[in-house]
Protein backbone atom coordinates (compact mmCIF):
# COMPACT_ATOMS: atom_id res chain seq x y z
CA UNK A 1 9.71 8.16 21.85
CA UNK A 2 13.04 6.45 22.20
CA UNK A 3 13.28 3.01 20.15
CA UNK A 4 16.62 2.12 21.41
CA UNK A 5 16.98 -1.70 21.85
CA UNK A 6 16.44 -2.82 25.05
CA UNK A 7 18.60 -5.95 26.36
CA UNK A 8 16.35 -8.34 28.33
CA UNK A 9 18.59 -10.75 30.42
CA UNK A 10 17.66 -13.36 33.07
CA UNK A 11 18.05 -11.31 36.07
CA UNK A 12 15.63 -9.20 38.58
CA UNK A 13 17.37 -5.52 37.81
CA UNK A 14 17.02 -6.10 33.77
CA UNK A 15 13.19 -6.96 33.87
CA UNK A 16 12.56 -4.46 36.34
CA UNK A 17 14.38 -1.79 34.87
CA UNK A 18 12.54 -2.72 31.48
CA UNK A 19 9.03 -2.57 33.21
CA UNK A 20 9.78 0.65 34.62
CA UNK A 21 10.94 1.97 30.78
CA UNK A 22 7.69 0.65 29.25
CA UNK A 23 5.65 2.53 32.29
CA UNK A 24 7.50 5.90 31.39
CA UNK A 25 6.30 5.38 27.98
CA UNK A 26 2.68 4.57 28.32
CA UNK A 27 0.08 7.40 28.11
CA UNK A 28 -3.55 7.43 29.43
CA UNK A 29 -5.14 6.54 26.07
CA UNK A 30 -3.06 2.99 26.27
CA UNK A 31 -5.30 0.65 27.83
CA UNK A 32 -6.03 -3.35 27.98
CA UNK A 33 -9.15 -5.31 28.96
CA UNK A 34 -9.65 -6.24 32.59
CA UNK A 35 -9.56 -9.94 31.91
CA UNK A 36 -5.57 -9.42 31.69
CA UNK A 37 -5.50 -7.80 35.01
CA UNK A 38 -7.60 -10.77 36.61
CA UNK A 39 -5.31 -13.20 35.34
CA UNK A 40 -2.60 -11.65 36.75
CA UNK A 41 -4.21 -11.85 39.94
CA UNK A 42 -5.36 -15.55 39.74
CA UNK A 43 -1.62 -16.52 38.68
CA UNK A 44 -0.67 -14.90 42.31
CA UNK A 45 -3.74 -16.30 44.01
CA UNK A 46 -2.12 -19.56 42.86
CA UNK A 47 0.53 -19.19 45.85
CA UNK A 48 -2.07 -19.25 48.37
CA UNK A 49 -1.51 -15.68 49.51
CA UNK A 50 -4.46 -13.64 49.65
CA UNK A 51 -2.35 -10.60 51.12
CA UNK A 52 0.10 -10.90 47.91
CA UNK A 53 -3.24 -10.61 46.06
CA UNK A 54 -4.09 -7.39 47.74
CA UNK A 55 -0.42 -6.06 47.55
CA UNK A 56 -0.81 -6.45 43.58
CA UNK A 57 -4.02 -4.77 43.35
CA UNK A 58 -3.18 -2.10 45.86
CA UNK A 59 -0.09 -1.57 43.28
CA UNK A 60 -2.46 -1.18 40.35
CA UNK A 61 -4.15 1.53 41.72
CA UNK A 62 -7.37 -0.08 40.87
CA UNK A 63 -9.97 -1.18 42.74
CA UNK A 64 -11.95 -3.95 40.93
CA UNK A 65 -12.11 -5.38 37.39
CA UNK A 66 -14.55 -6.19 34.74
CA UNK A 67 -13.47 -8.63 31.67
CA UNK A 68 -14.72 -6.42 28.97
CA UNK A 69 -13.75 -3.12 30.62
CA UNK A 70 -10.67 -1.23 29.58
CA UNK A 71 -8.09 -0.07 32.17
CA UNK A 72 -4.71 1.73 32.09
CA UNK A 73 -1.89 -0.10 30.82
CA UNK A 74 0.13 1.59 33.31
CA UNK A 75 -1.75 0.24 35.88
CA UNK A 76 -1.05 -3.65 34.44
CA UNK A 77 2.46 -2.96 34.37
CA UNK A 78 2.71 -2.11 37.82
CA UNK A 79 0.75 -4.95 38.69
CA UNK A 80 3.03 -7.17 36.67
CA UNK A 81 5.86 -5.71 38.37
CA UNK A 82 4.69 -6.66 41.75
CA UNK A 83 3.35 -10.03 40.77
CA UNK A 84 6.59 -10.92 39.14
CA UNK A 85 8.45 -10.14 42.67
CA UNK A 86 5.90 -12.37 44.25
CA UNK A 87 6.12 -15.18 41.86
CA UNK A 88 9.86 -15.15 41.08
CA UNK A 89 10.99 -17.81 43.69
CA UNK A 90 8.64 -20.18 42.33
CA UNK A 91 9.54 -19.87 38.55
CA UNK A 92 13.44 -19.23 39.48
CA UNK A 93 13.44 -15.64 38.03
CA UNK A 94 11.39 -12.34 37.59
CA UNK A 95 11.87 -13.07 33.91
CA UNK A 96 10.39 -16.46 34.06
CA UNK A 97 7.38 -15.20 36.32
CA UNK A 98 6.39 -12.68 33.51
CA UNK A 99 6.25 -15.35 30.93
CA UNK A 100 4.04 -17.54 33.14
CA UNK A 101 1.87 -14.66 33.61
CA UNK A 102 1.58 -14.15 29.96
CA UNK A 103 0.37 -17.56 29.66
CA UNK A 104 -2.24 -17.27 32.44
CA UNK A 105 -3.47 -14.20 31.07
CA UNK A 106 -3.96 -15.32 27.82
CA UNK A 107 -5.68 -18.36 29.50
CA UNK A 108 -8.09 -16.60 31.22
CA UNK A 109 -8.92 -14.18 28.13
CA UNK A 110 -9.62 -17.56 26.09
CA UNK A 111 -12.12 -18.70 28.85
CA UNK A 112 -13.98 -15.57 28.59
CA UNK A 113 -16.98 -15.20 26.22
CA UNK A 114 -14.50 -13.27 23.90
CA UNK A 115 -12.17 -15.97 23.70
CA UNK A 116 -14.56 -18.83 23.81
CA UNK A 117 -15.99 -17.27 20.41
CA UNK A 118 -12.65 -17.20 19.10
CA UNK A 119 -11.88 -20.62 19.80
CA UNK A 120 -14.85 -21.69 18.07
CA UNK A 121 -13.82 -19.76 15.02
CA UNK A 122 -10.57 -21.51 15.10
CA UNK A 123 -12.25 -25.15 14.95
CA UNK A 124 -9.42 -26.36 17.15
CA UNK A 125 -6.94 -25.35 14.56
CA UNK A 126 -3.30 -24.03 15.89
CA UNK A 127 -2.33 -22.34 12.88
CA UNK A 128 -5.94 -20.55 12.51
CA UNK A 129 -5.68 -19.75 16.33
CA UNK A 130 -2.01 -18.03 15.25
CA UNK A 131 -3.83 -16.45 12.18
CA UNK A 132 -6.20 -14.66 15.00
CA UNK A 133 -3.50 -13.40 16.95
CA UNK A 134 -3.71 -9.62 15.24
CA UNK A 135 -7.52 -9.97 16.02
CA UNK A 136 -6.94 -11.00 19.81
CA UNK A 137 -4.58 -8.14 19.98
CA UNK A 138 -6.86 -5.41 18.98
CA UNK A 139 -9.86 -7.11 21.31
CA UNK A 140 -7.68 -6.88 24.05
CA UNK A 141 -5.25 -3.54 23.82
CA UNK A 142 -5.73 -0.13 22.34
CA UNK A 143 -2.44 0.14 21.42
CA UNK A 144 0.23 -1.58 18.89
CA UNK A 145 -0.07 -3.93 16.26
CA UNK A 146 0.50 -7.57 15.71
CA UNK A 147 1.27 -9.44 12.45
CA UNK A 148 1.90 -13.27 11.41
CA UNK A 149 4.48 -14.30 8.95
CA UNK A 150 4.35 -18.08 8.13
CA UNK A 151 7.97 -19.95 7.69
CA UNK A 152 6.26 -23.37 7.24
CA UNK A 153 3.07 -25.29 8.03
CA UNK A 154 3.39 -25.26 11.59
CA UNK A 155 6.06 -22.36 12.18
CA UNK A 156 6.30 -18.94 12.01
CA UNK A 157 6.96 -15.27 13.49
CA UNK A 158 4.92 -13.12 15.19
CA UNK A 159 5.74 -9.47 14.91
CA UNK A 160 4.47 -7.04 17.53
CA UNK A 161 4.49 -3.16 17.38
CA UNK A 162 4.35 -0.39 19.77
CA UNK A 163 3.42 -3.25 22.53
CA UNK A 164 4.05 -2.37 26.03
CA UNK A 165 3.89 -5.99 27.66
CA UNK A 166 7.19 -7.26 28.40
CA UNK A 167 8.59 -9.69 25.71
CA UNK A 168 8.47 -12.48 28.48
CA UNK A 169 4.70 -11.94 28.77
CA UNK A 170 4.29 -11.83 25.01
CA UNK A 171 6.12 -15.35 24.85
CA UNK A 172 3.78 -16.55 27.48
CA UNK A 173 0.90 -15.51 25.73
CA UNK A 174 1.66 -17.03 22.63
CA UNK A 175 2.41 -20.26 24.23
CA UNK A 176 -1.27 -20.10 25.58
CA UNK A 177 -2.68 -19.48 22.10
CA UNK A 178 -0.99 -22.38 20.77
CA UNK A 179 -1.90 -24.68 23.56
CA UNK A 180 -5.48 -23.74 23.76
CA UNK A 181 -5.98 -25.30 20.41
CA UNK A 182 -3.97 -28.72 21.14
CA UNK A 183 -0.55 -27.58 19.76
CA UNK A 184 1.63 -30.18 20.99
CA UNK A 185 5.44 -29.45 21.83
CA UNK A 186 4.96 -25.53 21.48
CA UNK A 187 8.00 -23.58 21.09
CA UNK A 188 8.28 -19.82 21.27
CA UNK A 189 11.15 -17.84 21.30
CA UNK A 190 12.06 -14.26 20.88
CA UNK A 191 14.41 -13.48 17.86
CA UNK A 192 14.81 -9.75 18.30
CA UNK A 193 13.40 -6.92 20.72
CA UNK A 194 13.97 -3.29 19.79
CA UNK A 195 12.45 -0.49 21.96
CA UNK A 196 8.35 -1.57 22.01
CA UNK A 197 8.88 -3.95 19.00
CA UNK A 198 9.75 -7.48 18.89
CA UNK A 199 9.70 -10.55 16.84
CA UNK A 200 8.71 -13.92 18.58
CA UNK A 201 9.34 -17.44 16.62
CA UNK A 202 7.02 -19.99 17.28
CA UNK A 203 6.39 -23.67 16.26
CA UNK A 204 4.63 -26.60 17.06
CA UNK A 205 3.71 -30.72 16.31
């Protein structure tokens, strides 16, 4: 597996090539829960265009999704590419659309039975929610690993290893986690990306 650095710039060609590269590395054993697929479809549905929703479903190669069932990450990557093209005009670029898709997918996860249980356990604390990030990853994806390093009482660094999701999606997902427990002035920024690994700084007030 090539672990060469991947440059992510805010232009359609770059995010599309990155998705194609990730797709080329994903295997049949790499899966994600259906709730992440459904969040992507709901974000597209927000445009009020059911034909776009149908297009994204067709791109995935799947016929339906159940929250707790697992589906190939390759199908999700294909859906994300289709959805980002549909949402790019609204968000200004495909990169920003992917970030919004990451937020929506994690927000839908947190509204699911599994996600609601996590929110109860974190007692409305952004810090406890971030400490739960490794468990959330294990619950929703079969690949990769997540760790959290604290740099202050309300700041830290999330390190994701072997993650097929684009960095912009990961940023959006972290924003959703912090916002779900009342974090204010949430700030998430990628510090580095190398192959399927990446570091994401975060903070809140």
